[in-house]
């Protein structure tokens, strides 16, 4: 069994914040894989279901980001799980928007949600780092992560979340490369050879720009 955690802050005020992309990922998984209704437990919201042959519990801590570890630790102890049974989806400032990386163990890089989880269960859990980009200066970080995604972000964000829904069974089955590939197929789908050929043909058919001067065109007209 896997405990899949999404990090964020509870309430409508925060629902579309960049900091809440972990919650968004879990909601996509629950929809795509027909998980049960969300209910209150472990100081958070949980939804239960199956991914392939594996049982999974989705957890959105409602302790606010800085205390996420309280909720995760309680759920882990209840289900008698080890840290390696836990997967955490979280926002990542150090990755460009739409980029995704997998990581096991290591530091929390100043992320308050991860810092709290480290304090309750240790560092040896799996993480899915979801890139949201960086505002450019550390003093702007707090305001940046607690603002909603911009309208310009919606296309890549929607593709990213759909890719997570597509690939999550592979991730739970320890096929991280296939999980990342499922996301890539949504975020940056390959161009078909037919499309590429058509584009090349159209380019070849375009008439060359007329480099003649106005005077030369006039002279040619009456020659």
N, C-alpha and C. Protein backbone atom coordinates (compact mmCIF):
# COMPACT_ATOMS: atom_id res chain seq x y z
N UNK A 1 0.84 -1.20 0.00
CA UNK A 1 0.00 0.00 0.00
C UNK A 1 0.87 1.25 0.00
N UNK A 2 0.40 2.28 -0.68
CA UNK A 2 1.12 3.54 -0.75
C UNK A 2 0.29 4.66 -0.13
N UNK A 3 0.98 5.55 0.57
CA UNK A 3 0.38 6.79 1.04
C UNK A 3 0.89 7.90 0.13
N UNK A 4 -0.03 8.50 -0.63
CA UNK A 4 0.33 9.54 -1.59
C UNK A 4 -0.14 10.88 -1.02
N UNK A 5 0.81 11.75 -0.78
CA UNK A 5 0.54 13.02 -0.11
C UNK A 5 0.69 14.17 -1.09
N UNK A 6 -0.23 15.10 -1.05
CA UNK A 6 -0.11 16.33 -1.81
C UNK A 6 -0.01 17.48 -0.83
N UNK A 7 0.93 18.38 -1.03
CA UNK A 7 1.10 19.49 -0.10
C UNK A 7 0.38 20.75 -0.59
N UNK A 8 -0.17 21.48 0.37
CA UNK A 8 -0.89 22.70 0.07
C UNK A 8 -1.45 23.29 1.35
N UNK A 9 -2.29 24.29 1.20
CA UNK A 9 -2.98 24.91 2.33
C UNK A 9 -4.48 24.73 2.14
N UNK A 10 -5.23 24.50 3.23
CA UNK A 10 -6.67 24.24 3.12
C UNK A 10 -7.48 25.51 2.89
N UNK A 11 -8.62 25.37 2.25
CA UNK A 11 -9.55 26.48 2.09
C UNK A 11 -9.55 27.07 0.70
N UNK A 12 -10.70 27.65 0.34
CA UNK A 12 -10.89 28.20 -1.00
C UNK A 12 -9.91 29.33 -1.31
N UNK A 13 -9.50 30.06 -0.28
CA UNK A 13 -8.58 31.18 -0.46
C UNK A 13 -7.27 30.75 -1.11
N UNK A 14 -6.84 29.51 -0.82
CA UNK A 14 -5.54 29.03 -1.29
C UNK A 14 -5.64 28.04 -2.44
N UNK A 15 -6.85 27.67 -2.83
CA UNK A 15 -7.06 26.53 -3.72
C UNK A 15 -6.28 26.61 -5.03
N UNK A 16 -6.14 27.81 -5.61
CA UNK A 16 -5.47 27.95 -6.90
C UNK A 16 -4.05 28.51 -6.78
N UNK A 17 -3.53 28.60 -5.55
CA UNK A 17 -2.16 29.08 -5.33
C UNK A 17 -1.13 28.14 -5.94
N UNK A 18 0.01 28.68 -6.32
CA UNK A 18 1.13 27.85 -6.79
C UNK A 18 1.55 26.84 -5.72
N UNK A 19 1.48 27.26 -4.46
CA UNK A 19 1.87 26.40 -3.34
C UNK A 19 0.96 25.17 -3.24
N UNK A 20 -0.21 25.21 -3.87
CA UNK A 20 -1.19 24.13 -3.75
C UNK A 20 -1.17 23.15 -4.91
N UNK A 21 -0.13 23.17 -5.70
CA UNK A 21 -0.10 22.27 -6.85
C UNK A 21 -0.10 20.80 -6.41
N UNK A 22 0.39 20.52 -5.22
CA UNK A 22 0.33 19.14 -4.70
C UNK A 22 -1.10 18.69 -4.47
N UNK A 23 -1.94 19.57 -3.91
CA UNK A 23 -3.36 19.25 -3.75
C UNK A 23 -4.00 19.00 -5.12
N UNK A 24 -3.66 19.87 -6.09
CA UNK A 24 -4.24 19.74 -7.44
C UNK A 24 -3.90 18.39 -8.06
N UNK A 25 -2.66 17.94 -7.85
CA UNK A 25 -2.23 16.66 -8.42
C UNK A 25 -3.06 15.51 -7.84
N UNK A 26 -3.29 15.54 -6.52
CA UNK A 26 -4.07 14.46 -5.89
C UNK A 26 -5.52 14.48 -6.34
N UNK A 27 -6.07 15.67 -6.52
CA UNK A 27 -7.46 15.75 -6.98
C UNK A 27 -7.59 15.18 -8.39
N UNK A 28 -6.59 15.40 -9.22
CA UNK A 28 -6.58 14.82 -10.57
C UNK A 28 -6.52 13.30 -10.51
N UNK A 29 -5.64 12.78 -9.67
CA UNK A 29 -5.52 11.32 -9.52
C UNK A 29 -6.84 10.72 -9.06
N UNK A 30 -7.47 11.35 -8.06
CA UNK A 30 -8.73 10.83 -7.53
C UNK A 30 -9.81 10.79 -8.61
N UNK A 31 -9.88 11.84 -9.44
CA UNK A 31 -10.87 11.88 -10.52
C UNK A 31 -10.60 10.82 -11.58
N UNK A 32 -9.34 10.75 -12.00
CA UNK A 32 -9.00 9.86 -13.11
C UNK A 32 -9.10 8.39 -12.76
N UNK A 33 -8.94 8.06 -11.49
CA UNK A 33 -8.89 6.64 -11.10
C UNK A 33 -10.03 6.24 -10.18
N UNK A 34 -11.11 7.02 -10.20
CA UNK A 34 -12.34 6.71 -9.49
C UNK A 34 -12.11 6.35 -8.02
N UNK A 35 -11.34 7.17 -7.33
CA UNK A 35 -11.16 6.98 -5.89
C UNK A 35 -12.44 7.37 -5.16
N UNK A 36 -12.53 6.96 -3.89
CA UNK A 36 -13.70 7.26 -3.08
C UNK A 36 -13.79 8.74 -2.75
N UNK A 37 -14.94 9.12 -2.18
CA UNK A 37 -15.17 10.52 -1.81
C UNK A 37 -14.14 10.95 -0.75
N UNK A 38 -13.78 12.21 -0.80
CA UNK A 38 -12.87 12.76 0.20
C UNK A 38 -13.57 12.81 1.55
N UNK A 39 -12.82 12.45 2.61
CA UNK A 39 -13.36 12.52 3.97
C UNK A 39 -12.27 12.95 4.94
N UNK A 40 -12.69 13.44 6.07
CA UNK A 40 -11.75 13.98 7.05
C UNK A 40 -11.14 12.87 7.91
N UNK A 41 -9.80 12.84 7.95
CA UNK A 41 -9.08 11.89 8.79
C UNK A 41 -7.60 12.29 8.82
N UNK A 42 -6.91 11.95 9.87
CA UNK A 42 -5.48 12.22 10.02
C UNK A 42 -5.16 13.72 9.88
N UNK A 43 -6.02 14.57 10.41
CA UNK A 43 -5.83 16.02 10.32
C UNK A 43 -5.75 16.48 8.86
N UNK A 44 -6.50 15.81 8.02
CA UNK A 44 -6.49 16.15 6.61
C UNK A 44 -7.69 15.57 5.90
N UNK A 45 -7.65 15.59 4.58
CA UNK A 45 -8.66 14.96 3.74
C UNK A 45 -8.04 13.76 3.05
N UNK A 46 -8.74 12.62 3.12
CA UNK A 46 -8.23 11.42 2.47
C UNK A 46 -9.23 10.87 1.46
N UNK A 47 -8.70 10.16 0.48
CA UNK A 47 -9.51 9.45 -0.50
C UNK A 47 -8.81 8.13 -0.78
N UNK A 48 -9.57 7.04 -0.81
CA UNK A 48 -8.96 5.72 -0.96
C UNK A 48 -9.37 5.06 -2.27
N UNK A 49 -8.46 4.27 -2.82
CA UNK A 49 -8.74 3.58 -4.07
C UNK A 49 -7.61 2.64 -4.43
N UNK A 50 -7.58 2.28 -5.71
CA UNK A 50 -6.54 1.37 -6.19
C UNK A 50 -5.88 1.94 -7.43
N UNK A 51 -4.58 1.68 -7.53
CA UNK A 51 -3.81 2.03 -8.72
C UNK A 51 -3.20 0.74 -9.22
N UNK A 52 -3.80 0.16 -10.26
CA UNK A 52 -3.40 -1.17 -10.68
C UNK A 52 -3.79 -2.16 -9.61
N UNK A 53 -2.84 -2.97 -9.16
CA UNK A 53 -3.12 -3.97 -8.13
C UNK A 53 -2.84 -3.44 -6.73
N UNK A 54 -2.40 -2.20 -6.61
CA UNK A 54 -2.00 -1.64 -5.32
C UNK A 54 -3.08 -0.75 -4.72
N UNK A 55 -3.28 -0.92 -3.42
CA UNK A 55 -4.16 -0.02 -2.70
C UNK A 55 -3.39 1.28 -2.43
N UNK A 56 -4.09 2.39 -2.48
CA UNK A 56 -3.45 3.68 -2.23
C UNK A 56 -4.38 4.58 -1.43
N UNK A 57 -3.79 5.37 -0.57
CA UNK A 57 -4.52 6.38 0.18
C UNK A 57 -3.96 7.74 -0.23
N UNK A 58 -4.83 8.62 -0.69
CA UNK A 58 -4.44 9.99 -1.01
C UNK A 58 -4.68 10.86 0.22
N UNK A 59 -3.72 11.71 0.56
CA UNK A 59 -3.83 12.55 1.75
C UNK A 59 -3.49 14.00 1.42
N UNK A 60 -4.43 14.90 1.73
CA UNK A 60 -4.18 16.33 1.66
C UNK A 60 -4.19 16.88 3.09
N UNK A 61 -3.02 17.10 3.69
CA UNK A 61 -2.99 17.62 5.06
C UNK A 61 -3.71 18.96 5.17
N UNK A 62 -4.48 19.14 6.26
CA UNK A 62 -5.18 20.41 6.48
C UNK A 62 -4.60 21.16 7.68
N UNK A 63 -3.36 20.88 8.00
CA UNK A 63 -2.68 21.50 9.13
C UNK A 63 -2.00 22.81 8.73
N UNK A 64 -2.17 23.22 7.48
CA UNK A 64 -1.40 24.27 6.82
C UNK A 64 0.01 23.74 6.56
N UNK A 65 0.63 24.30 5.54
CA UNK A 65 1.87 23.78 4.98
C UNK A 65 2.94 23.50 6.03
N UNK A 66 3.15 24.45 6.93
CA UNK A 66 4.27 24.35 7.86
C UNK A 66 4.15 23.21 8.86
N UNK A 67 2.96 22.61 8.99
CA UNK A 67 2.75 21.51 9.93
C UNK A 67 2.32 20.23 9.22
N UNK A 68 2.62 20.12 7.95
CA UNK A 68 2.18 18.97 7.15
C UNK A 68 2.62 17.63 7.75
N UNK A 69 3.77 17.60 8.37
CA UNK A 69 4.31 16.36 8.92
C UNK A 69 3.43 15.74 9.99
N UNK A 70 2.67 16.55 10.72
CA UNK A 70 1.78 16.00 11.74
C UNK A 70 0.76 15.06 11.11
N UNK A 71 0.15 15.51 10.02
CA UNK A 71 -0.85 14.72 9.32
C UNK A 71 -0.24 13.49 8.67
N UNK A 72 0.90 13.66 8.00
CA UNK A 72 1.56 12.54 7.32
C UNK A 72 2.00 11.48 8.32
N UNK A 73 2.60 11.92 9.43
CA UNK A 73 3.06 10.98 10.45
C UNK A 73 1.92 10.18 11.04
N UNK A 74 0.79 10.83 11.30
CA UNK A 74 -0.36 10.14 11.87
C UNK A 74 -0.90 9.09 10.91
N UNK A 75 -1.03 9.43 9.64
CA UNK A 75 -1.53 8.47 8.65
C UNK A 75 -0.56 7.31 8.48
N UNK A 76 0.73 7.59 8.48
CA UNK A 76 1.73 6.54 8.30
C UNK A 76 1.71 5.56 9.46
N UNK A 77 1.60 6.07 10.67
CA UNK A 77 1.57 5.19 11.84
C UNK A 77 0.30 4.34 11.86
N UNK A 78 -0.83 4.94 11.50
CA UNK A 78 -2.10 4.21 11.50
C UNK A 78 -2.04 3.02 10.55
N UNK A 79 -1.47 3.23 9.37
CA UNK A 79 -1.41 2.17 8.36
C UNK A 79 -0.15 1.31 8.46
N UNK A 80 0.66 1.58 9.51
CA UNK A 80 1.89 0.81 9.73
C UNK A 80 2.80 0.81 8.49
N UNK A 81 3.01 2.00 7.96
CA UNK A 81 3.83 2.15 6.76
C UNK A 81 5.23 2.64 7.12
N UNK A 82 6.17 2.36 6.24
CA UNK A 82 7.54 2.86 6.36
C UNK A 82 7.68 4.10 5.48
N UNK A 83 8.70 4.93 5.71
CA UNK A 83 8.89 6.12 4.87
C UNK A 83 8.95 5.80 3.38
N UNK A 84 9.51 4.66 3.02
CA UNK A 84 9.59 4.32 1.59
C UNK A 84 8.23 4.00 0.96
N UNK A 85 7.18 3.92 1.78
CA UNK A 85 5.82 3.72 1.27
C UNK A 85 5.11 5.04 1.02
N UNK A 86 5.79 6.15 1.27
CA UNK A 86 5.18 7.47 1.17
C UNK A 86 5.71 8.21 -0.07
N UNK A 87 4.80 8.80 -0.83
CA UNK A 87 5.15 9.63 -1.99
C UNK A 87 4.54 11.01 -1.77
N UNK A 88 5.35 12.05 -1.87
CA UNK A 88 4.89 13.42 -1.63
C UNK A 88 4.99 14.25 -2.91
N UNK A 89 3.87 14.84 -3.32
CA UNK A 89 3.83 15.77 -4.45
C UNK A 89 3.92 17.20 -3.89
N UNK A 90 4.86 17.99 -4.39
CA UNK A 90 5.01 19.35 -3.86
C UNK A 90 5.52 20.30 -4.93
N UNK A 91 5.31 21.59 -4.69
CA UNK A 91 5.78 22.64 -5.59
C UNK A 91 7.30 22.77 -5.47
N UNK A 92 7.95 23.13 -6.58
CA UNK A 92 9.41 23.23 -6.61
C UNK A 92 9.82 24.52 -7.33
N UNK A 93 10.38 25.45 -6.57
CA UNK A 93 10.81 26.73 -7.12
C UNK A 93 11.99 26.59 -8.07
N UNK A 94 12.83 25.60 -7.83
CA UNK A 94 14.07 25.47 -8.60
C UNK A 94 13.90 24.74 -9.92
N UNK A 95 12.66 24.46 -10.32
CA UNK A 95 12.38 23.86 -11.62
C UNK A 95 11.49 24.80 -12.42
N UNK A 96 11.72 24.85 -13.72
CA UNK A 96 10.90 25.68 -14.59
C UNK A 96 9.45 25.19 -14.57
N UNK A 97 8.49 26.07 -14.80
CA UNK A 97 7.08 25.66 -14.81
C UNK A 97 6.83 24.48 -15.74
N UNK A 98 6.15 23.46 -15.20
CA UNK A 98 5.82 22.28 -16.00
C UNK A 98 6.85 21.17 -15.95
N UNK A 99 8.06 21.46 -15.46
CA UNK A 99 9.08 20.42 -15.34
C UNK A 99 8.82 19.57 -14.10
N UNK A 100 9.17 18.29 -14.18
CA UNK A 100 8.94 17.36 -13.07
C UNK A 100 10.20 16.54 -12.84
N UNK A 101 10.56 16.35 -11.58
CA UNK A 101 11.69 15.50 -11.23
C UNK A 101 11.29 14.62 -10.05
N UNK A 102 11.89 13.44 -10.00
CA UNK A 102 11.67 12.51 -8.90
C UNK A 102 12.89 12.50 -8.00
N UNK A 103 12.63 12.33 -6.70
CA UNK A 103 13.74 12.33 -5.75
C UNK A 103 13.38 11.47 -4.56
N UNK A 104 14.36 10.77 -4.02
CA UNK A 104 14.19 10.00 -2.78
C UNK A 104 15.24 10.47 -1.79
N UNK A 105 14.79 10.81 -0.58
CA UNK A 105 15.73 11.23 0.45
C UNK A 105 16.34 12.59 0.16
N UNK A 106 17.35 12.94 0.95
CA UNK A 106 18.02 14.22 0.76
C UNK A 106 17.37 15.33 1.57
N UNK A 107 17.85 16.55 1.36
CA UNK A 107 17.38 17.69 2.12
C UNK A 107 16.04 18.22 1.66
N UNK A 108 15.52 19.20 2.42
CA UNK A 108 14.21 19.78 2.08
C UNK A 108 14.34 21.10 1.34
N UNK A 109 15.56 21.61 1.16
CA UNK A 109 15.84 22.83 0.38
C UNK A 109 15.00 24.03 0.84
N UNK A 110 14.69 24.07 2.12
CA UNK A 110 13.94 25.21 2.65
C UNK A 110 12.44 25.16 2.47
N UNK A 111 11.93 24.09 1.88
CA UNK A 111 10.48 23.96 1.69
C UNK A 111 9.86 23.62 3.04
N UNK A 112 8.97 24.48 3.53
CA UNK A 112 8.44 24.31 4.88
C UNK A 112 7.62 23.04 5.06
N UNK A 113 6.90 22.64 4.02
CA UNK A 113 6.13 21.40 4.12
C UNK A 113 7.04 20.19 4.24
N UNK A 114 8.07 20.15 3.42
CA UNK A 114 9.03 19.04 3.48
C UNK A 114 9.80 19.07 4.80
N UNK A 115 10.14 20.26 5.27
CA UNK A 115 10.86 20.37 6.55
C UNK A 115 10.04 19.72 7.67
N UNK A 116 8.75 19.98 7.68
CA UNK A 116 7.88 19.41 8.70
C UNK A 116 7.79 17.89 8.57
N UNK A 117 7.69 17.40 7.33
CA UNK A 117 7.62 15.94 7.12
C UNK A 117 8.93 15.29 7.56
N UNK A 118 10.05 15.91 7.22
CA UNK A 118 11.35 15.40 7.67
C UNK A 118 11.35 15.22 9.19
N UNK A 119 10.81 16.20 9.90
CA UNK A 119 10.83 16.17 11.35
C UNK A 119 9.97 15.07 11.94
N UNK A 120 8.96 14.61 11.19
CA UNK A 120 8.06 13.59 11.72
C UNK A 120 8.36 12.18 11.24
N UNK A 121 8.85 12.02 10.01
CA UNK A 121 9.06 10.65 9.50
C UNK A 121 10.47 10.43 8.95
N UNK A 122 11.33 11.45 9.02
CA UNK A 122 12.65 11.31 8.42
C UNK A 122 12.64 11.72 6.96
N UNK A 123 13.77 11.53 6.31
CA UNK A 123 13.93 12.04 4.94
C UNK A 123 13.76 10.99 3.86
N UNK A 124 13.66 9.72 4.21
CA UNK A 124 13.72 8.66 3.20
C UNK A 124 12.37 8.32 2.59
N UNK A 125 11.69 9.33 2.10
CA UNK A 125 10.44 9.11 1.38
C UNK A 125 10.62 9.61 -0.04
N UNK A 126 9.72 9.20 -0.92
CA UNK A 126 9.81 9.61 -2.33
C UNK A 126 9.11 10.95 -2.53
N UNK A 127 9.64 11.72 -3.47
CA UNK A 127 9.07 13.04 -3.75
C UNK A 127 8.89 13.23 -5.25
N UNK A 128 7.82 13.91 -5.59
CA UNK A 128 7.59 14.33 -6.97
C UNK A 128 7.64 15.85 -6.95
N UNK A 129 8.70 16.39 -7.52
CA UNK A 129 8.95 17.84 -7.51
C UNK A 129 8.29 18.46 -8.74
N UNK A 130 7.32 19.32 -8.52
CA UNK A 130 6.54 19.91 -9.59
C UNK A 130 6.97 21.36 -9.79
N UNK A 131 7.62 21.65 -10.91
CA UNK A 131 8.18 22.96 -11.15
C UNK A 131 7.13 24.06 -11.28
N UNK A 132 7.35 25.15 -10.55
CA UNK A 132 6.48 26.32 -10.67
C UNK A 132 7.28 27.57 -11.04
N UNK A 133 8.61 27.42 -11.20
CA UNK A 133 9.45 28.56 -11.51
C UNK A 133 9.77 29.38 -10.28
N UNK A 134 10.66 30.33 -10.45
CA UNK A 134 11.14 31.17 -9.34
C UNK A 134 10.87 32.63 -9.67
N UNK A 135 10.47 33.44 -8.69
CA UNK A 135 10.18 34.85 -8.97
C UNK A 135 11.42 35.69 -9.26
N UNK A 136 12.61 35.13 -8.99
CA UNK A 136 13.84 35.85 -9.32
C UNK A 136 14.60 36.39 -8.13
N UNK A 137 13.93 36.56 -7.00
CA UNK A 137 14.60 37.05 -5.80
C UNK A 137 13.98 36.37 -4.58
N UNK A 138 14.81 35.98 -3.62
CA UNK A 138 14.31 35.22 -2.47
C UNK A 138 13.28 36.00 -1.66
N UNK A 139 13.37 37.33 -1.66
CA UNK A 139 12.41 38.12 -0.90
C UNK A 139 11.01 38.09 -1.52
N UNK A 140 10.92 37.67 -2.77
CA UNK A 140 9.63 37.63 -3.45
C UNK A 140 8.97 36.26 -3.39
N UNK A 141 9.67 35.28 -2.81
CA UNK A 141 9.19 33.90 -2.84
C UNK A 141 7.85 33.72 -2.13
N UNK A 142 7.72 34.24 -0.90
CA UNK A 142 6.49 34.04 -0.13
C UNK A 142 5.27 34.55 -0.87
N UNK A 143 5.35 35.74 -1.41
CA UNK A 143 4.22 36.28 -2.16
C UNK A 143 3.95 35.51 -3.43
N UNK A 144 5.00 35.04 -4.07
CA UNK A 144 4.87 34.30 -5.33
C UNK A 144 4.14 32.97 -5.15
N UNK A 145 4.55 32.18 -4.17
CA UNK A 145 3.94 30.85 -4.00
C UNK A 145 2.52 30.95 -3.47
N UNK A 146 2.18 32.06 -2.80
CA UNK A 146 0.84 32.21 -2.25
C UNK A 146 -0.07 33.02 -3.17
N UNK A 147 0.34 33.21 -4.40
CA UNK A 147 -0.54 33.81 -5.42
C UNK A 147 -1.06 32.72 -6.35
N UNK A 148 -2.21 32.96 -6.95
CA UNK A 148 -2.79 31.99 -7.88
C UNK A 148 -1.92 31.88 -9.14
N UNK A 149 -2.01 30.74 -9.77
CA UNK A 149 -1.39 30.58 -11.08
C UNK A 149 -1.99 31.62 -12.04
N UNK A 150 -1.15 32.17 -12.89
CA UNK A 150 -1.62 33.14 -13.87
C UNK A 150 -2.42 32.46 -14.97
N UNK A 151 -3.21 33.23 -15.70
CA UNK A 151 -3.98 32.67 -16.81
C UNK A 151 -3.06 32.04 -17.85
N UNK A 152 -1.89 32.63 -18.02
CA UNK A 152 -0.93 32.11 -19.01
C UNK A 152 -0.39 30.74 -18.61
N UNK A 153 -0.55 30.37 -17.35
CA UNK A 153 -0.06 29.07 -16.87
C UNK A 153 -1.05 27.94 -17.09
N UNK A 154 -2.28 28.27 -17.41
CA UNK A 154 -3.34 27.26 -17.34
C UNK A 154 -3.15 26.10 -18.33
N UNK A 155 -2.63 26.38 -19.52
CA UNK A 155 -2.48 25.30 -20.50
C UNK A 155 -1.45 24.26 -20.04
N UNK A 156 -0.25 24.73 -19.64
CA UNK A 156 0.75 23.76 -19.22
C UNK A 156 0.35 23.09 -17.92
N UNK A 157 -0.32 23.82 -17.03
CA UNK A 157 -0.75 23.24 -15.75
C UNK A 157 -1.77 22.13 -15.98
N UNK A 158 -2.72 22.38 -16.86
CA UNK A 158 -3.72 21.35 -17.17
C UNK A 158 -3.07 20.12 -17.78
N UNK A 159 -2.13 20.32 -18.71
CA UNK A 159 -1.43 19.20 -19.33
C UNK A 159 -0.61 18.43 -18.30
N UNK A 160 0.05 19.15 -17.41
CA UNK A 160 0.86 18.51 -16.37
C UNK A 160 0.00 17.63 -15.48
N UNK A 161 -1.12 18.16 -15.01
CA UNK A 161 -1.99 17.40 -14.11
C UNK A 161 -2.58 16.17 -14.81
N UNK A 162 -2.95 16.32 -16.07
CA UNK A 162 -3.48 15.17 -16.82
C UNK A 162 -2.39 14.10 -16.99
N UNK A 163 -1.16 14.55 -17.21
CA UNK A 163 -0.06 13.60 -17.32
C UNK A 163 0.19 12.85 -16.04
N UNK A 164 0.05 13.54 -14.92
CA UNK A 164 0.19 12.88 -13.62
C UNK A 164 -0.88 11.81 -13.45
N UNK A 165 -2.10 12.15 -13.83
CA UNK A 165 -3.18 11.17 -13.76
C UNK A 165 -2.91 9.96 -14.64
N UNK A 166 -2.37 10.21 -15.84
CA UNK A 166 -2.05 9.11 -16.75
C UNK A 166 -0.96 8.20 -16.17
N UNK A 167 0.07 8.82 -15.57
CA UNK A 167 1.27 8.07 -15.22
C UNK A 167 1.35 7.53 -13.82
N UNK A 168 0.43 7.91 -12.94
CA UNK A 168 0.57 7.54 -11.53
C UNK A 168 0.63 6.03 -11.29
N UNK A 169 -0.09 5.18 -12.04
CA UNK A 169 0.06 3.74 -11.79
C UNK A 169 1.50 3.26 -12.02
N UNK A 170 2.17 3.82 -13.01
CA UNK A 170 3.56 3.44 -13.27
C UNK A 170 4.46 3.87 -12.11
N UNK A 171 4.24 5.07 -11.58
CA UNK A 171 5.06 5.54 -10.46
C UNK A 171 4.91 4.63 -9.25
N UNK A 172 3.69 4.24 -8.95
CA UNK A 172 3.44 3.37 -7.79
C UNK A 172 4.05 1.99 -8.01
N UNK A 173 4.22 1.62 -9.26
CA UNK A 173 4.83 0.33 -9.61
C UNK A 173 6.35 0.45 -9.79
N UNK A 174 6.92 1.55 -9.27
CA UNK A 174 8.37 1.78 -9.33
C UNK A 174 8.90 1.91 -10.75
N UNK A 175 8.08 2.40 -11.66
CA UNK A 175 8.51 2.68 -13.03
C UNK A 175 8.49 4.19 -13.26
N UNK A 176 9.42 4.85 -12.56
CA UNK A 176 9.45 6.30 -12.59
C UNK A 176 9.67 6.87 -13.97
N UNK A 177 10.46 6.18 -14.82
CA UNK A 177 10.72 6.68 -16.17
C UNK A 177 9.43 6.71 -16.99
N UNK A 178 8.57 5.72 -16.81
CA UNK A 178 7.31 5.69 -17.55
C UNK A 178 6.34 6.76 -17.04
N UNK A 179 6.40 7.02 -15.74
CA UNK A 179 5.60 8.10 -15.16
C UNK A 179 5.98 9.44 -15.80
N UNK A 180 7.28 9.71 -15.85
CA UNK A 180 7.76 10.97 -16.43
C UNK A 180 7.44 11.03 -17.92
N UNK A 181 7.50 9.90 -18.60
CA UNK A 181 7.18 9.88 -20.03
C UNK A 181 5.70 10.20 -20.27
N UNK A 182 4.84 9.69 -19.38
CA UNK A 182 3.40 9.98 -19.52
C UNK A 182 3.14 11.48 -19.40
N UNK A 183 3.87 12.14 -18.51
CA UNK A 183 3.73 13.59 -18.36
C UNK A 183 4.25 14.30 -19.60
N UNK A 184 5.41 13.85 -20.09
CA UNK A 184 6.00 14.47 -21.27
C UNK A 184 5.07 14.36 -22.48
N UNK A 185 4.35 13.25 -22.59
CA UNK A 185 3.43 13.07 -23.72
C UNK A 185 2.30 14.10 -23.70
N UNK A 186 1.97 14.58 -22.50
CA UNK A 186 0.93 15.61 -22.38
C UNK A 186 1.50 17.01 -22.54
N UNK A 187 2.61 17.26 -21.84
CA UNK A 187 3.17 18.61 -21.79
C UNK A 187 3.88 18.98 -23.09
N UNK A 188 4.60 18.02 -23.66
CA UNK A 188 5.34 18.29 -24.90
C UNK A 188 5.20 17.11 -25.84
N UNK A 189 4.01 16.88 -26.40
CA UNK A 189 3.80 15.72 -27.27
C UNK A 189 4.68 15.80 -28.50
N UNK A 190 5.21 14.65 -28.94
CA UNK A 190 6.07 14.65 -30.12
C UNK A 190 5.29 15.00 -31.37
N UNK A 191 5.93 15.74 -32.29
CA UNK A 191 5.29 16.04 -33.57
C UNK A 191 5.39 14.82 -34.46
N UNK A 192 4.31 14.51 -35.15
CA UNK A 192 4.34 13.36 -36.05
C UNK A 192 5.20 13.69 -37.27
N UNK A 193 5.76 12.66 -37.89
CA UNK A 193 6.59 12.87 -39.08
C UNK A 193 5.77 13.48 -40.20
N UNK A 194 4.47 13.16 -40.24
CA UNK A 194 3.60 13.70 -41.27
C UNK A 194 3.46 15.21 -41.10
N UNK A 195 3.24 15.63 -39.83
CA UNK A 195 3.11 17.06 -39.55
C UNK A 195 4.39 17.79 -39.90
N UNK A 196 5.53 17.18 -39.54
CA UNK A 196 6.82 17.80 -39.82
C UNK A 196 7.04 17.93 -41.33
N UNK A 197 6.63 16.88 -42.10
CA UNK A 197 6.81 16.91 -43.55
C UNK A 197 5.94 17.99 -44.19
N UNK A 198 4.69 18.11 -43.68
CA UNK A 198 3.79 19.13 -44.21
C UNK A 198 4.35 20.52 -43.96
N UNK A 199 4.87 20.72 -42.76
CA UNK A 199 5.44 22.01 -42.41
C UNK A 199 6.62 22.35 -43.31
N UNK A 200 7.46 21.34 -43.58
CA UNK A 200 8.62 21.54 -44.44
C UNK A 200 8.18 21.86 -45.87
N UNK A 201 7.14 21.14 -46.35
CA UNK A 201 6.66 21.36 -47.71
C UNK A 201 6.09 22.77 -47.86
N UNK A 202 5.33 23.21 -46.83
CA UNK A 202 4.75 24.54 -46.87
C UNK A 202 5.84 25.61 -46.92
N UNK A 203 6.89 25.34 -46.19
CA UNK A 203 8.01 26.29 -46.16
C UNK A 203 8.66 26.38 -47.53
N UNK A 204 8.79 25.21 -48.21
CA UNK A 204 9.43 25.19 -49.52
C UNK A 204 8.57 25.89 -50.56
N UNK A 205 7.23 25.82 -50.40
CA UNK A 205 6.32 26.39 -51.39
C UNK A 205 6.17 27.90 -51.26
N UNK A 206 6.58 28.45 -50.13
CA UNK A 206 6.43 29.88 -49.94
C UNK A 206 7.30 30.63 -50.94
N UNK A 207 6.74 31.62 -51.65
CA UNK A 207 7.55 32.38 -52.62
C UNK A 207 8.64 33.18 -51.93
N UNK A 208 9.76 33.28 -52.59
CA UNK A 208 10.86 34.04 -52.02
C UNK A 208 10.49 35.52 -51.99
N UNK A 209 10.98 36.23 -51.01
CA UNK A 209 10.71 37.66 -50.89
C UNK A 209 11.33 38.41 -52.06
N UNK A 210 10.60 39.38 -52.59
CA UNK A 210 11.08 40.17 -53.72
C UNK A 210 12.07 41.23 -53.20
N UNK A 211 13.34 41.06 -53.55
CA UNK A 211 14.39 41.95 -53.03
C UNK A 211 14.60 43.18 -53.90
N UNK A 212 13.83 43.33 -55.02
CA UNK A 212 14.03 44.47 -55.91
C UNK A 212 13.59 45.78 -55.26
N UNK A 213 14.26 46.85 -55.60
CA UNK A 213 13.87 48.16 -55.11
C UNK A 213 12.61 48.61 -55.85
N UNK A 214 11.94 49.62 -55.31
CA UNK A 214 10.74 50.15 -55.96
C UNK A 214 11.04 50.65 -57.38
N UNK A 215 12.20 51.32 -57.54
CA UNK A 215 12.59 51.84 -58.85
C UNK A 215 12.82 50.70 -59.83
N UNK A 216 13.48 49.61 -59.36
CA UNK A 216 13.76 48.48 -60.24
C UNK A 216 12.46 47.80 -60.66
N UNK A 217 11.51 47.69 -59.73
CA UNK A 217 10.22 47.07 -60.07
C UNK A 217 9.52 47.89 -61.16
N UNK A 218 9.59 49.21 -61.03
CA UNK A 218 8.95 50.07 -62.01
C UNK A 218 9.59 49.95 -63.37
N UNK A 219 10.93 49.88 -63.38
CA UNK A 219 11.66 49.75 -64.64
C UNK A 219 11.36 48.41 -65.29
N UNK A 220 11.30 47.37 -64.50
CA UNK A 220 11.01 46.01 -65.04
C UNK A 220 9.60 45.97 -65.63
N UNK A 221 8.67 46.72 -65.00
CA UNK A 221 7.30 46.69 -65.46
C UNK A 221 7.15 47.23 -66.88
N UNK A 222 7.95 48.26 -67.20
CA UNK A 222 7.82 48.89 -68.52
C UNK A 222 8.91 48.47 -69.49
N UNK A 223 9.74 47.51 -69.10
CA UNK A 223 10.81 47.06 -70.01
C UNK A 223 10.27 46.05 -71.02
